[in-house]
Amino acid sequence: MSYNPDELIHTYIFGLDTSAKVDTSFVKDMSEIKVQILKQTPELIVNYSEYPKGFKILMNQYADKVEYITNYPLKEIRPGEFAVEFPLV
């Protein structure tokens, strides 16, 4: 797994009172997801994950908000639910 912050160009910020779920139905087995904890303090938890089909996400969890930074855009499909917009091949 190689974390490259230059690939992550789409930012989404959610308050803790807002639920935000990303549809990962394209994952067949949880072992396909590679997760790395980059930082863990009382103020901030930073996780970087790589999913099948090239989807990458950096999650910054603060006391009052959660920030998702992704390489592919997310599209809201219903309130609080998002789908990854994979590039057309």
C-alpha atoms as a PDB file:
ATOM      1  CA  MET A   1       0.000   0.000   0.000  1.00  0.00           C
ATOM      2  CA  SER A   2       1.382   3.363  -0.947  1.00  0.00           C
ATOM      3  CA  TYR A   3      -0.192   6.501   0.501  1.00  0.00           C
ATOM      4  CA  ASN A   4       0.099   9.364  -1.987  1.00  0.00           C
ATOM      5  CA  PRO A   5      -1.767  12.493  -0.830  1.00  0.00           C
ATOM      6  CA  ASP A   6      -1.558  14.027  -4.332  1.00  0.00           C
ATOM      7  CA  GLU A   7      -4.073  11.406  -5.566  1.00  0.00           C
ATOM      8  CA  LEU A   8      -6.699  12.510  -3.053  1.00  0.00           C
ATOM      9  CA  ILE A   9      -8.484  15.508  -4.530  1.00  0.00           C
ATOM     10  CA  HIS A  10     -12.145  15.341  -3.433  1.00  0.00           C
ATOM     11  CA  THR A  11     -12.967  16.553   0.088  1.00  0.00           C
ATOM     12  CA  TYR A  12     -16.198  15.991   2.021  1.00  0.00           C
ATOM     13  CA  ILE A  13     -16.808  17.252   5.557  1.00  0.00           C
ATOM     14  CA  PHE A  14     -19.571  15.955   7.804  1.00  0.00           C
ATOM     15  CA  GLY A  15     -20.578  17.081  11.277  1.00  0.00           C
ATOM     16  CA  LEU A  16     -20.845  14.397  13.916  1.00  0.00           C
ATOM     17  CA  ASP A  17     -24.620  14.811  13.842  1.00  0.00           C
ATOM     18  CA  THR A  18     -24.625  13.903  10.127  1.00  0.00           C
ATOM     19  CA  SER A  19     -24.413  10.301   9.050  1.00  0.00           C
ATOM     20  CA  ALA A  20     -22.293   9.603   5.986  1.00  0.00           C
ATOM     21  CA  LYS A  21     -22.092   6.101   4.596  1.00  0.00           C
ATOM     22  CA  VAL A  22     -20.151   5.188   1.452  1.00  0.00           C
ATOM     23  CA  ASP A  23     -21.575   2.261  -0.539  1.00  0.00           C
ATOM     24  CA  THR A  24     -18.849  -0.361  -0.756  1.00  0.00           C
ATOM     25  CA  SER A  25     -20.959  -3.123  -2.271  1.00  0.00           C
ATOM     26  CA  PHE A  26     -18.215  -3.506  -4.900  1.00  0.00           C
ATOM     27  CA  VAL A  27     -16.066  -5.172  -2.189  1.00  0.00           C
ATOM     28  CA  LYS A  28     -16.468  -8.949  -2.280  1.00  0.00           C
ATOM     29  CA  ASP A  29     -14.439  -9.702   0.850  1.00  0.00           C
ATOM     30  CA  MET A  30     -13.307  -7.405   3.661  1.00  0.00           C
ATOM     31  CA  SER A  31      -9.758  -8.746   3.238  1.00  0.00           C
ATOM     32  CA  GLU A  32      -9.639  -6.821  -0.071  1.00  0.00           C
ATOM     33  CA  ILE A  33      -9.563  -3.526   1.872  1.00  0.00           C
ATOM     34  CA  LYS A  34      -6.130  -2.346   2.985  1.00  0.00           C
ATOM     35  CA  VAL A  35      -6.222  -0.020   5.998  1.00  0.00           C
ATOM     36  CA  GLN A  36      -3.419   1.962   7.555  1.00  0.00           C
ATOM     37  CA  ILE A  37      -3.703   4.117  10.689  1.00  0.00           C
ATOM     38  CA  LEU A  38      -1.545   7.177  10.008  1.00  0.00           C
ATOM     39  CA  LYS A  39      -2.194   9.053  13.249  1.00  0.00           C
ATOM     40  CA  GLN A  40      -4.063   8.411  16.473  1.00  0.00           C
ATOM     41  CA  THR A  41      -4.290  11.078  19.170  1.00  0.00           C
ATOM     42  CA  PRO A  42      -7.125  12.220  21.449  1.00  0.00           C
ATOM     43  CA  GLU A  43      -7.757  15.102  19.018  1.00  0.00           C
ATOM     44  CA  LEU A  44      -7.468  13.303  15.681  1.00  0.00           C
ATOM     45  CA  ILE A  45      -7.583   9.839  14.142  1.00  0.00           C
ATOM     46  CA  VAL A  46      -6.338   9.514  10.555  1.00  0.00           C
ATOM     47  CA  ASN A  47      -7.027   6.323   8.572  1.00  0.00           C
ATOM     48  CA  TYR A  48      -6.026   5.663   4.980  1.00  0.00           C
ATOM     49  CA  SER A  49      -7.770   2.869   3.062  1.00  0.00           C
ATOM     50  CA  GLU A  50      -7.384   1.338  -0.381  1.00  0.00           C
ATOM     51  CA  TYR A  51     -10.352  -0.532  -1.840  1.00  0.00           C
ATOM     52  CA  PRO A  52     -10.777  -2.738  -4.904  1.00  0.00           C
ATOM     53  CA  LYS A  53     -11.200  -0.960  -8.233  1.00  0.00           C
ATOM     54  CA  GLY A  54      -8.637   1.655  -7.191  1.00  0.00           C
ATOM     55  CA  PHE A  55     -10.782   3.628  -4.711  1.00  0.00           C
ATOM     56  CA  LYS A  56      -8.702   5.389  -2.032  1.00  0.00           C
ATOM     57  CA  ILE A  57      -9.908   7.358   0.978  1.00  0.00           C
ATOM     58  CA  LEU A  58      -8.289   9.269   3.800  1.00  0.00           C
ATOM     59  CA  MET A  59     -10.547   9.720   6.839  1.00  0.00           C
ATOM     60  CA  ASN A  60      -9.770  12.412   9.397  1.00  0.00           C
ATOM     61  CA  GLN A  61     -11.881  12.010  12.524  1.00  0.00           C
ATOM     62  CA  TYR A  62     -11.942  15.086  14.763  1.00  0.00           C
ATOM     63  CA  ALA A  63     -13.986  15.649  17.918  1.00  0.00           C
ATOM     64  CA  ASP A  64     -16.618  17.657  16.042  1.00  0.00           C
ATOM     65  CA  LYS A  65     -16.432  16.468  12.423  1.00  0.00           C
ATOM     66  CA  VAL A  66     -15.296  13.784  10.005  1.00  0.00           C
ATOM     67  CA  GLU A  67     -13.447  14.605   6.799  1.00  0.00           C
ATOM     68  CA  TYR A  68     -13.252  12.221   3.832  1.00  0.00           C
ATOM     69  CA  ILE A  69     -10.657  12.914   1.155  1.00  0.00           C
ATOM     70  CA  THR A  70     -10.917  10.608  -1.859  1.00  0.00           C
ATOM     71  CA  ASN A  71      -9.332   9.991  -5.234  1.00  0.00           C
ATOM     72  CA  TYR A  72     -12.710   9.461  -6.956  1.00  0.00           C
ATOM     73  CA  PRO A  73     -15.739  11.701  -6.395  1.00  0.00           C
ATOM     74  CA  LEU A  74     -18.644  10.610  -4.240  1.00  0.00           C
ATOM     75  CA  LYS A  75     -22.248  11.104  -5.322  1.00  0.00           C
ATOM     76  CA  GLU A  76     -25.073  11.341  -2.809  1.00  0.00           C
ATOM     77  CA  ILE A  77     -27.627   8.693  -3.764  1.00  0.00           C
ATOM     78  CA  ARG A  78     -29.911   9.263  -0.758  1.00  0.00           C
ATOM     79  CA  PRO A  79     -29.553  11.495   2.277  1.00  0.00           C
ATOM     80  CA  GLY A  80     -26.398  10.387   4.071  1.00  0.00           C
ATOM     81  CA  GLU A  81     -25.552   7.650   1.527  1.00  0.00           C
ATOM     82  CA  PHE A  82     -22.890   8.048  -1.108  1.00  0.00           C
ATOM     83  CA  ALA A  83     -21.674   6.014  -4.071  1.00  0.00           C
ATOM     84  CA  VAL A  84     -18.188   6.112  -5.531  1.00  0.00           C
ATOM     85  CA  GLU A  85     -18.153   7.535  -9.069  1.00  0.00           C
ATOM     86  CA  PHE A  86     -15.609   5.289 -10.730  1.00  0.00           C
ATOM     87  CA  PRO A  87     -14.055   6.541 -13.961  1.00  0.00           C
ATOM     88  CA  LEU A  88     -15.411   5.053 -17.154  1.00  0.00           C
ATOM     89  CA  VAL A  89     -13.019   2.549 -18.635  1.00  0.00           C
END
